Amino acid sequence: MALPAWRRVEGGVELRVKAQPKARRAGLLGWMEGADGPRLKLAVHEAPEDGRANRAVCALLAAALHVPPSAIAVVQGAAAREKTCRIAGDPARLAEQLESLA
């Protein structure tokens, strides 16, 4: 069974993303259907070296969701394109903001 793109957790939400590093244009590219369920696809300029792309993913999500960058952490897939990010904050407000990205 496919997992949802995000789920509520204690103190926030976990969001499944697919990152495209070294992209010409950075930004949110929309929702995509992966083999294991939906993910938010996004592109960042930074190369996947020394955690730079992960920091860029967190900064991009922070700007889109209006939360501080420190509220976002990559909790799974730090060395992969498919990642899970934990976003700290009010789960109801974050879920509403994620819905608006669709």
PDB file of N, CA and C in Angstrom:
ATOM      1  N   MET A   1       0.838  -1.176   0.000  1.00  0.00           N
ATOM      2  CA  MET A   1       0.000   0.000   0.000  1.00  0.00           C
ATOM      3  C   MET A   1       0.884   1.240   0.000  1.00  0.00           C
ATOM      4  N   ALA A   2       0.553   2.212  -0.798  1.00  0.00           N
ATOM      5  CA  ALA A   2       1.344   3.434  -0.923  1.00  0.00           C
ATOM      6  C   ALA A   2       1.180   4.311   0.312  1.00  0.00           C
ATOM      7  N   LEU A   3       2.257   4.944   0.687  1.00  0.00           N
ATOM      8  CA  LEU A   3       2.239   5.870   1.816  1.00  0.00           C
ATOM      9  C   LEU A   3       1.788   7.241   1.339  1.00  0.00           C
ATOM     10  N   PRO A   4       1.189   8.045   2.224  1.00  0.00           N
ATOM     11  CA  PRO A   4       0.846   9.418   1.828  1.00  0.00           C
ATOM     12  C   PRO A   4       2.113  10.262   1.725  1.00  0.00           C
ATOM     13  N   ALA A   5       2.019  11.400   1.066  1.00  0.00           N
ATOM     14  CA  ALA A   5       3.183  12.271   0.902  1.00  0.00           C
ATOM     15  C   ALA A   5       3.621  12.862   2.237  1.00  0.00           C
ATOM     16  N   TRP A   6       2.684  13.067   3.148  1.00  0.00           N
ATOM     17  CA  TRP A   6       3.056  13.538   4.476  1.00  0.00           C
ATOM     18  C   TRP A   6       2.153  12.888   5.502  1.00  0.00           C
ATOM     19  N   ARG A   7       2.664  12.897   6.737  1.00  0.00           N
ATOM     20  CA  ARG A   7       1.873  12.371   7.840  1.00  0.00           C
ATOM     21  C   ARG A   7       2.161  13.196   9.081  1.00  0.00           C
ATOM     22  N   ARG A   8       1.160  13.290   9.908  1.00  0.00           N
ATOM     23  CA  ARG A   8       1.317  14.025  11.163  1.00  0.00           C
ATOM     24  C   ARG A   8       2.127  13.179  12.131  1.00  0.00           C
ATOM     25  N   VAL A   9       3.051  13.834  12.812  1.00  0.00           N
ATOM     26  CA  VAL A   9       3.824  13.207  13.876  1.00  0.00           C
ATOM     27  C   VAL A   9       3.779  14.157  15.063  1.00  0.00           C
ATOM     28  N   GLU A  10       4.232  13.684  16.197  1.00  0.00           N
ATOM     29  CA  GLU A  10       4.226  14.535  17.383  1.00  0.00           C
ATOM     30  C   GLU A  10       5.089  15.774  17.137  1.00  0.00           C
ATOM     31  N   GLY A  11       4.479  16.928  17.251  1.00  0.00           N
ATOM     32  CA  GLY A  11       5.212  18.181  17.100  1.00  0.00           C
ATOM     33  C   GLY A  11       5.413  18.646  15.672  1.00  0.00           C
ATOM     34  N   GLY A  12       4.711  18.047  14.707  1.00  0.00           N
ATOM     35  CA  GLY A  12       4.867  18.501  13.326  1.00  0.00           C
ATOM     36  C   GLY A  12       4.379  17.488  12.317  1.00  0.00           C
ATOM     37  N   VAL A  13       5.042  17.468  11.162  1.00  0.00           N
ATOM     38  CA  VAL A  13       4.709  16.517  10.100  1.00  0.00           C
ATOM     39  C   VAL A  13       5.998  15.970   9.498  1.00  0.00           C
ATOM     40  N   GLU A  14       5.885  14.820   8.870  1.00  0.00           N
ATOM     41  CA  GLU A  14       6.975  14.276   8.062  1.00  0.00           C
ATOM     42  C   GLU A  14       6.518  14.300   6.613  1.00  0.00           C
ATOM     43  N   LEU A  15       7.359  14.855   5.762  1.00  0.00           N
ATOM     44  CA  LEU A  15       7.053  15.042   4.348  1.00  0.00           C
ATOM     45  C   LEU A  15       8.036  14.246   3.504  1.00  0.00           C
ATOM     46  N   ARG A  16       7.515  13.515   2.541  1.00  0.00           N
ATOM     47  CA  ARG A  16       8.349  12.740   1.624  1.00  0.00           C
ATOM     48  C   ARG A  16       8.606  13.583   0.383  1.00  0.00           C
ATOM     49  N   VAL A  17       9.881  13.751   0.036  1.00  0.00           N
ATOM     50  CA  VAL A  17      10.256  14.582  -1.104  1.00  0.00           C
ATOM     51  C   VAL A  17      11.187  13.815  -2.032  1.00  0.00           C
ATOM     52  N   LYS A  18      11.261  14.298  -3.263  1.00  0.00           N
ATOM     53  CA  LYS A  18      12.274  13.828  -4.216  1.00  0.00           C
ATOM     54  C   LYS A  18      13.040  15.067  -4.643  1.00  0.00           C
ATOM     55  N   ALA A  19      14.324  15.086  -4.351  1.00  0.00           N
ATOM     56  CA  ALA A  19      15.165  16.245  -4.626  1.00  0.00           C
ATOM     57  C   ALA A  19      15.935  16.062  -5.925  1.00  0.00           C
ATOM     58  N   GLN A  20      16.060  17.145  -6.651  1.00  0.00           N
ATOM     59  CA  GLN A  20      16.871  17.171  -7.869  1.00  0.00           C
ATOM     60  C   GLN A  20      18.010  18.151  -7.614  1.00  0.00           C
ATOM     61  N   PRO A  21      19.204  17.648  -7.257  1.00  0.00           N
ATOM     62  CA  PRO A  21      20.335  18.543  -7.011  1.00  0.00           C
ATOM     63  C   PRO A  21      20.944  19.051  -8.320  1.00  0.00           C
ATOM     64  N   LYS A  22      21.739  20.090  -8.209  1.00  0.00           N
ATOM     65  CA  LYS A  22      22.441  20.703  -9.343  1.00  0.00           C
ATOM     66  C   LYS A  22      21.485  21.103 -10.463  1.00  0.00           C
ATOM     67  N   ALA A  23      20.319  21.585 -10.085  1.00  0.00           N
ATOM     68  CA  ALA A  23      19.318  21.996 -11.073  1.00  0.00           C
ATOM     69  C   ALA A  23      19.604  23.414 -11.554  1.00  0.00           C
ATOM     70  N   ARG A  24      19.238  23.683 -12.767  1.00  0.00           N
ATOM     71  CA  ARG A  24      19.399  25.024 -13.322  1.00  0.00           C
ATOM     72  C   ARG A  24      18.479  26.011 -12.606  1.00  0.00           C
ATOM     73  N   ARG A  25      17.238  25.580 -12.346  1.00  0.00           N
ATOM     74  CA  ARG A  25      16.264  26.414 -11.635  1.00  0.00           C
ATOM     75  C   ARG A  25      15.852  25.715 -10.351  1.00  0.00           C
ATOM     76  N   ALA A  26      15.919  26.446  -9.259  1.00  0.00           N
ATOM     77  CA  ALA A  26      15.497  25.902  -7.970  1.00  0.00           C
ATOM     78  C   ALA A  26      14.029  26.219  -7.743  1.00  0.00           C
ATOM     79  N   GLY A  27      13.350  25.320  -7.060  1.00  0.00           N
ATOM     80  CA  GLY A  27      11.961  25.574  -6.706  1.00  0.00           C
ATOM     81  C   GLY A  27      11.172  24.297  -6.518  1.00  0.00           C
ATOM     82  N   LEU A  28       9.918  24.476  -6.120  1.00  0.00           N
ATOM     83  CA  LEU A  28       9.005  23.351  -5.975  1.00  0.00           C
ATOM     84  C   LEU A  28       8.473  22.983  -7.355  1.00  0.00           C
ATOM     85  N   LEU A  29       8.508  21.704  -7.686  1.00  0.00           N
ATOM     86  CA  LEU A  29       8.092  21.248  -9.011  1.00  0.00           C
ATOM     87  C   LEU A  29       6.744  20.540  -8.995  1.00  0.00           C
ATOM     88  N   GLY A  30       6.131  20.425  -7.829  1.00  0.00           N
ATOM     89  CA  GLY A  30       4.813  19.811  -7.732  1.00  0.00           C
ATOM     90  C   GLY A  30       4.861  18.406  -7.164  1.00  0.00           C
ATOM     91  N   TRP A  31       3.704  17.821  -7.081  1.00  0.00           N
ATOM     92  CA  TRP A  31       3.565  16.474  -6.537  1.00  0.00           C
ATOM     93  C   TRP A  31       3.788  15.460  -7.646  1.00  0.00           C
ATOM     94  N   MET A  32       4.473  14.381  -7.309  1.00  0.00           N
ATOM     95  CA  MET A  32       4.726  13.315  -8.267  1.00  0.00           C
ATOM     96  C   MET A  32       4.352  11.984  -7.632  1.00  0.00           C
ATOM     97  N   GLU A  33       4.033  11.040  -8.459  1.00  0.00           N
ATOM     98  CA  GLU A  33       3.690   9.699  -7.980  1.00  0.00           C
ATOM     99  C   GLU A  33       4.911   8.816  -8.164  1.00  0.00           C
ATOM    100  N   GLY A  34       5.443   8.324  -7.060  1.00  0.00           N
ATOM    101  CA  GLY A  34       6.579   7.422  -7.107  1.00  0.00           C
ATOM    102  C   GLY A  34       6.120   5.987  -6.940  1.00  0.00           C
ATOM    103  N   ALA A  35       7.042   5.065  -6.983  1.00  0.00           N
ATOM    104  CA  ALA A  35       6.709   3.649  -6.833  1.00  0.00           C
ATOM    105  C   ALA A  35       6.116   3.358  -5.459  1.00  0.00           C
ATOM    106  N   ASP A  36       6.518   4.138  -4.457  1.00  0.00           N
ATOM    107  CA  ASP A  36       6.039   3.912  -3.092  1.00  0.00           C
ATOM    108  C   ASP A  36       5.025   4.957  -2.645  1.00  0.00           C
ATOM    109  N   GLY A  37       4.502   5.745  -3.575  1.00  0.00           N
ATOM    110  CA  GLY A  37       3.488   6.735  -3.230  1.00  0.00           C
ATOM    111  C   GLY A  37       3.896   8.133  -3.636  1.00  0.00           C
ATOM    112  N   PRO A  38       3.061   9.111  -3.313  1.00  0.00           N
ATOM    113  CA  PRO A  38       3.327  10.489  -3.740  1.00  0.00           C
ATOM    114  C   PRO A  38       4.476  11.129  -2.963  1.00  0.00           C
ATOM    115  N   ARG A  39       5.133  12.057  -3.624  1.00  0.00           N
ATOM    116  CA  ARG A  39       6.217  12.845  -3.031  1.00  0.00           C
ATOM    117  C   ARG A  39       6.147  14.247  -3.608  1.00  0.00           C
ATOM    118  N   LEU A  40       6.685  15.201  -2.874  1.00  0.00           N
ATOM    119  CA  LEU A  40       6.827  16.557  -3.381  1.00  0.00           C
ATOM    120  C   LEU A  40       8.170  16.626  -4.099  1.00  0.00           C
ATOM    121  N   LYS A  41       8.154  16.952  -5.377  1.00  0.00           N
ATOM    122  CA  LYS A  41       9.395  17.055  -6.144  1.00  0.00           C
ATOM    123  C   LYS A  41       9.888  18.488  -6.059  1.00  0.00           C
ATOM    124  N   LEU A  42      11.179  18.629  -5.806  1.00  0.00           N
ATOM    125  CA  LEU A  42      11.775  19.954  -5.739  1.00  0.00           C
ATOM    126  C   LEU A  42      13.177  19.933  -6.310  1.00  0.00           C
ATOM    127  N   ALA A  43      13.637  21.094  -6.728  1.00  0.00           N
ATOM    128  CA  ALA A  43      14.959  21.223  -7.344  1.00  0.00           C
ATOM    129  C   ALA A  43      15.760  22.267  -6.586  1.00  0.00           C
ATOM    130  N   VAL A  44      17.055  21.996  -6.417  1.00  0.00           N
ATOM    131  CA  VAL A  44      17.968  22.934  -5.759  1.00  0.00           C
ATOM    132  C   VAL A  44      19.219  23.091  -6.609  1.00  0.00           C
ATOM    133  N   HIS A  45      19.854  24.242  -6.505  1.00  0.00           N
ATOM    134  CA  HIS A  45      21.072  24.512  -7.270  1.00  0.00           C
ATOM    135  C   HIS A  45      22.270  23.715  -6.747  1.00  0.00           C
ATOM    136  N   GLU A  46      22.321  23.491  -5.454  1.00  0.00           N
ATOM    137  CA  GLU A  46      23.495  22.935  -4.807  1.00  0.00           C
ATOM    138  C   GLU A  46      23.747  21.481  -5.191  1.00  0.00           C
ATOM    139  N   ALA A  47      25.028  21.129  -5.203  1.00  0.00           N
ATOM    140  CA  ALA A  47      25.445  19.749  -5.469  1.00  0.00           C
ATOM    141  C   ALA A  47      25.282  18.929  -4.192  1.00  0.00           C
ATOM    142  N   PRO A  48      25.093  17.624  -4.336  1.00  0.00           N
ATOM    143  CA  PRO A  48      24.938  16.772  -3.153  1.00  0.00           C
ATOM    144  C   PRO A  48      26.284  16.442  -2.508  1.00  0.00           C
ATOM    145  N   GLU A  49      26.981  17.455  -2.054  1.00  0.00           N
ATOM    146  CA  GLU A  49      28.300  17.290  -1.433  1.00  0.00           C
ATOM    147  C   GLU A  49      28.301  17.973  -0.077  1.00  0.00           C
ATOM    148  N   ASP A  50      28.789  17.267   0.925  1.00  0.00           N
ATOM    149  CA  ASP A  50      28.923  17.817   2.277  1.00  0.00           C
ATOM    150  C   ASP A  50      27.603  18.339   2.833  1.00  0.00           C
ATOM    151  N   GLY A  51      26.493  17.753   2.440  1.00  0.00           N
ATOM    152  CA  GLY A  51      25.194  18.148   2.966  1.00  0.00           C
ATOM    153  C   GLY A  51      24.632  19.443   2.414  1.00  0.00           C
ATOM    154  N   ARG A  52      25.286  20.011   1.401  1.00  0.00           N
ATOM    155  CA  ARG A  52      24.804  21.294   0.855  1.00  0.00           C
ATOM    156  C   ARG A  52      23.424  21.167   0.230  1.00  0.00           C
ATOM    157  N   ALA A  53      23.178  20.111  -0.523  1.00  0.00           N
ATOM    158  CA  ALA A  53      21.859  19.941  -1.144  1.00  0.00           C
ATOM    159  C   ALA A  53      20.784  19.734  -0.077  1.00  0.00           C
ATOM    160  N   ASN A  54      21.098  18.998   0.980  1.00  0.00           N
ATOM    161  CA  ASN A  54      20.122  18.799   2.058  1.00  0.00           C
ATOM    162  C   ASN A  54      19.779  20.119   2.734  1.00  0.00           C
ATOM    163  N   ARG A  55      20.775  20.948   2.980  1.00  0.00           N
ATOM    164  CA  ARG A  55      20.509  22.265   3.583  1.00  0.00           C
ATOM    165  C   ARG A  55      19.665  23.117   2.646  1.00  0.00           C
ATOM    166  N   ALA A  56      19.914  23.015   1.349  1.00  0.00           N
ATOM    167  CA  ALA A  56      19.122  23.776   0.377  1.00  0.00           C
ATOM    168  C   ALA A  56      17.679  23.272   0.333  1.00  0.00           C
ATOM    169  N   VAL A  57      17.484  21.966   0.439  1.00  0.00           N
ATOM    170  CA  VAL A  57      16.131  21.395   0.488  1.00  0.00           C
ATOM    171  C   VAL A  57      15.389  21.952   1.699  1.00  0.00           C
ATOM    172  N   CYS A  58      16.048  21.957   2.849  1.00  0.00           N
ATOM    173  CA  CYS A  58      15.423  22.477   4.072  1.00  0.00           C
ATOM    174  C   CYS A  58      15.092  23.958   3.927  1.00  0.00           C
ATOM    175  N   ALA A  59      15.993  24.733   3.347  1.00  0.00           N
ATOM    176  CA  ALA A  59      15.747  26.168   3.167  1.00  0.00           C
ATOM    177  C   ALA A  59      14.588  26.410   2.203  1.00  0.00           C
ATOM    178  N   LEU A  60      14.521  25.647   1.134  1.00  0.00           N
ATOM    179  CA  LEU A  60      13.438  25.795   0.160  1.00  0.00           C
ATOM    180  C   LEU A  60      12.086  25.453   0.788  1.00  0.00           C
ATOM    181  N   LEU A  61      12.034  24.361   1.533  1.00  0.00           N
ATOM    182  CA  LEU A  61      10.790  23.993   2.210  1.00  0.00           C
ATOM    183  C   LEU A  61      10.406  25.031   3.260  1.00  0.00           C
ATOM    184  N   ALA A  62      11.395  25.548   3.978  1.00  0.00           N
ATOM    185  CA  ALA A  62      11.121  26.560   5.001  1.00  0.00           C
ATOM    186  C   ALA A  62      10.485  27.795   4.384  1.00  0.00           C
ATOM    187  N   ALA A  63      11.003  28.229   3.256  1.00  0.00           N
ATOM    188  CA  ALA A  63      10.442  29.407   2.585  1.00  0.00           C
ATOM    189  C   ALA A  63       9.022  29.132   2.095  1.00  0.00           C
ATOM    190  N   ALA A  64       8.784  27.944   1.563  1.00  0.00           N
ATOM    191  CA  ALA A  64       7.460  27.614   1.030  1.00  0.00           C
ATOM    192  C   ALA A  64       6.415  27.461   2.126  1.00  0.00           C
ATOM    193  N   LEU A  65       6.842  26.978   3.292  1.00  0.00           N
ATOM    194  CA  LEU A  65       5.901  26.704   4.380  1.00  0.00           C
ATOM    195  C   LEU A  65       5.900  27.782   5.460  1.00  0.00           C
ATOM    196  N   HIS A  66       6.711  28.808   5.281  1.00  0.00           N
ATOM    197  CA  HIS A  66       6.776  29.938   6.217  1.00  0.00           C
ATOM    198  C   HIS A  66       7.147  29.485   7.630  1.00  0.00           C
ATOM    199  N   VAL A  67       8.188  28.672   7.703  1.00  0.00           N
ATOM    200  CA  VAL A  67       8.745  28.243   8.982  1.00  0.00           C
ATOM    201  C   VAL A  67      10.239  28.536   8.952  1.00  0.00           C
ATOM    202  N   PRO A  68      10.888  28.640  10.109  1.00  0.00           N
ATOM    203  CA  PRO A  68      12.337  28.855  10.095  1.00  0.00           C
ATOM    204  C   PRO A  68      13.065  27.615   9.570  1.00  0.00           C
ATOM    205  N   PRO A  69      14.191  27.802   8.891  1.00  0.00           N
ATOM    206  CA  PRO A  69      14.944  26.645   8.378  1.00  0.00           C
ATOM    207  C   PRO A  69      15.328  25.656   9.475  1.00  0.00           C
ATOM    208  N   SER A  70      15.516  26.143  10.692  1.00  0.00           N
ATOM    209  CA  SER A  70      15.880  25.254  11.795  1.00  0.00           C
ATOM    210  C   SER A  70      14.741  24.314  12.178  1.00  0.00           C
ATOM    211  N   ALA A  71      13.523  24.570  11.693  1.00  0.00           N
ATOM    212  CA  ALA A  71      12.370  23.717  12.000  1.00  0.00           C
ATOM    213  C   ALA A  71      12.301  22.499  11.086  1.00  0.00           C
ATOM    214  N   ILE A  72      13.207  22.404  10.122  1.00  0.00           N
ATOM    215  CA  ILE A  72      13.163  21.311   9.142  1.00  0.00           C
ATOM    216  C   ILE A  72      14.458  20.509   9.208  1.00  0.00           C
ATOM    217  N   ALA A  73      14.312  19.195   9.224  1.00  0.00           N
ATOM    218  CA  ALA A  73      15.472  18.310   9.237  1.00  0.00           C
ATOM    219  C   ALA A  73      15.212  17.123   8.319  1.00  0.00           C
ATOM    220  N   VAL A  74      16.254  16.680   7.636  1.00  0.00           N
ATOM    221  CA  VAL A  74      16.170  15.459   6.830  1.00  0.00           C
ATOM    222  C   VAL A  74      16.360  14.295   7.796  1.00  0.00           C
ATOM    223  N   VAL A  75      15.344  13.452   7.937  1.00  0.00           N
ATOM    224  CA  VAL A  75      15.405  12.351   8.894  1.00  0.00           C
ATOM    225  C   VAL A  75      15.626  10.996   8.224  1.00  0.00           C
ATOM    226  N   GLN A  76      15.480  10.944   6.918  1.00  0.00           N
ATOM    227  CA  GLN A  76      15.724   9.700   6.187  1.00  0.00           C
ATOM    228  C   GLN A  76      16.144  10.052   4.767  1.00  0.00           C
ATOM    229  N   GLY A  77      17.143   9.342   4.252  1.00  0.00           N
ATOM    230  CA  GLY A  77      17.569   9.538   2.875  1.00  0.00           C
ATOM    231  C   GLY A  77      18.536  10.684   2.674  1.00  0.00           C
ATOM    232  N   ALA A  78      19.356  10.990   3.664  1.00  0.00           N
ATOM    233  CA  ALA A  78      20.280  12.118   3.559  1.00  0.00           C
ATOM    234  C   ALA A  78      21.216  11.989   2.356  1.00  0.00           C
ATOM    235  N   ALA A  79      21.542  10.775   1.958  1.00  0.00           N
ATOM    236  CA  ALA A  79      22.447  10.572   0.827  1.00  0.00           C
ATOM    237  C   ALA A  79      21.703  10.141  -0.437  1.00  0.00           C
ATOM    238  N   ALA A  80      20.384  10.259  -0.436  1.00  0.00           N
ATOM    239  CA  ALA A  80      19.577   9.824  -1.580  1.00  0.00           C
ATOM    240  C   ALA A  80      18.730  10.981  -2.093  1.00  0.00           C
ATOM    241  N   ARG A  81      18.193  10.820  -3.282  1.00  0.00           N
ATOM    242  CA  ARG A  81      17.290  11.845  -3.824  1.00  0.00           C
ATOM    243  C   ARG A  81      15.929  11.786  -3.156  1.00  0.00           C
ATOM    244  N   GLU A  82      15.492  10.603  -2.796  1.00  0.00           N
ATOM    245  CA  GLU A  82      14.217  10.454  -2.103  1.00  0.00           C
ATOM    246  C   GLU A  82      14.475  10.564  -0.610  1.00  0.00           C
ATOM    247  N   LYS A  83      13.845  11.545   0.011  1.00  0.00           N
ATOM    248  CA  LYS A  83      14.107  11.884   1.403  1.00  0.00           C
ATOM    249  C   LYS A  83      12.808  11.992   2.179  1.00  0.00           C
ATOM    250  N   THR A  84      12.927  11.925   3.484  1.00  0.00           N
ATOM    251  CA  THR A  84      11.832  12.251   4.384  1.00  0.00           C
ATOM    252  C   THR A  84      12.323  13.386   5.263  1.00  0.00           C
ATOM    253  N   CYS A  85      11.556  14.472   5.290  1.00  0.00           N
ATOM    254  CA  CYS A  85      11.904  15.643   6.089  1.00  0.00           C
ATOM    255  C   CYS A  85      10.895  15.796   7.213  1.00  0.00           C
ATOM    256  N   ARG A  86      11.396  16.064   8.409  1.00  0.00           N
ATOM    257  CA  ARG A  86      10.516  16.360   9.540  1.00  0.00           C
ATOM    258  C   ARG A  86      10.425  17.872   9.678  1.00  0.00           C
ATOM    259  N   ILE A  87       9.197  18.367   9.750  1.00  0.00           N
ATOM    260  CA  ILE A  87       8.945  19.801   9.863  1.00  0.00           C
ATOM    261  C   ILE A  87       8.267  20.035  11.200  1.00  0.00           C
ATOM    262  N   ALA A  88       8.929  20.789  12.076  1.00  0.00           N
ATOM    263  CA  ALA A  88       8.383  21.082  13.398  1.00  0.00           C
ATOM    264  C   ALA A  88       7.392  22.228  13.303  1.00  0.00           C
ATOM    265  N   GLY A  89       6.309  22.109  14.041  1.00  0.00           N
ATOM    266  CA  GLY A  89       5.290  23.150  14.067  1.00  0.00           C
ATOM    267  C   GLY A  89       3.926  22.551  14.326  1.00  0.00           C
ATOM    268  N   ASP A  90       2.911  23.374  14.193  1.00  0.00           N
ATOM    269  CA  ASP A  90       1.536  22.929  14.396  1.00  0.00           C
ATOM    270  C   ASP A  90       1.137  22.010  13.240  1.00  0.00           C
ATOM    271  N   PRO A  91       0.865  20.733  13.516  1.00  0.00           N
ATOM    272  CA  PRO A  91       0.555  19.798  12.430  1.00  0.00           C
ATOM    273  C   PRO A  91      -0.639  20.218  11.576  1.00  0.00           C
ATOM    274  N   ALA A  92      -1.663  20.786  12.190  1.00  0.00           N
ATOM    275  CA  ALA A  92      -2.851  21.195  11.426  1.00  0.00           C
ATOM    276  C   ALA A  92      -2.508  22.323  10.460  1.00  0.00           C
ATOM    277  N   ARG A  93      -1.744  23.306  10.918  1.00  0.00           N
ATOM    278  CA  ARG A  93      -1.363  24.430  10.057  1.00  0.00           C
ATOM    279  C   ARG A  93      -0.436  23.956   8.943  1.00  0.00           C
ATOM    280  N   LEU A  94       0.515  23.095   9.278  1.00  0.00           N
ATOM    281  CA  LEU A  94       1.441  22.584   8.265  1.00  0.00           C
ATOM    282  C   LEU A  94       0.708  21.751   7.219  1.00  0.00           C
ATOM    283  N   ALA A  95      -0.246  20.924   7.655  1.00  0.00           N
ATOM    284  CA  ALA A  95      -1.023  20.119   6.707  1.00  0.00           C
ATOM    285  C   ALA A  95      -1.810  21.023   5.765  1.00  0.00           C
ATOM    286  N   GLU A  96      -2.362  22.106   6.300  1.00  0.00           N
ATOM    287  CA  GLU A  96      -3.106  23.060   5.469  1.00  0.00           C
ATOM    288  C   GLU A  96      -2.186  23.712   4.433  1.00  0.00           C
ATOM    289  N   GLN A  97      -0.981  24.076   4.859  1.00  0.00           N
ATOM    290  CA  GLN A  97      -0.033  24.688   3.926  1.00  0.00           C
ATOM    291  C   GLN A  97       0.417  23.692   2.866  1.00  0.00           C
ATOM    292  N   LEU A  98       0.620  22.444   3.249  1.00  0.00           N
ATOM    293  CA  LEU A  98       1.006  21.425   2.276  1.00  0.00           C
ATOM    294  C   LEU A  98      -0.117  21.186   1.274  1.00  0.00           C
ATOM    295  N   GLU A  99      -1.355  21.200   1.735  1.00  0.00           N
ATOM    296  CA  GLU A  99      -2.500  21.051   0.826  1.00  0.00           C
ATOM    297  C   GLU A  99      -2.521  22.176  -0.201  1.00  0.00           C
ATOM    298  N   SER A 100      -2.144  23.377   0.227  1.00  0.00           N
ATOM    299  CA  SER A 100      -2.175  24.520  -0.689  1.00  0.00           C
ATOM    300  C   SER A 100      -1.085  24.431  -1.753  1.00  0.00           C
ATOM    301  N   LEU A 101      -0.058  23.615  -1.522  1.00  0.00           N
ATOM    302  CA  LEU A 101       1.003  23.438  -2.516  1.00  0.00           C
ATOM    303  C   LEU A 101       0.544  22.542  -3.660  1.00  0.00           C
ATOM    304  N   ALA A 102      -0.504  21.768  -3.431  1.00  0.00           N
ATOM    305  CA  ALA A 102      -0.971  20.806  -4.437  1.00  0.00           C
ATOM    306  C   ALA A 102      -1.564  21.500  -5.643  1.00  0.00           C
TER     307      ALA A 102
END
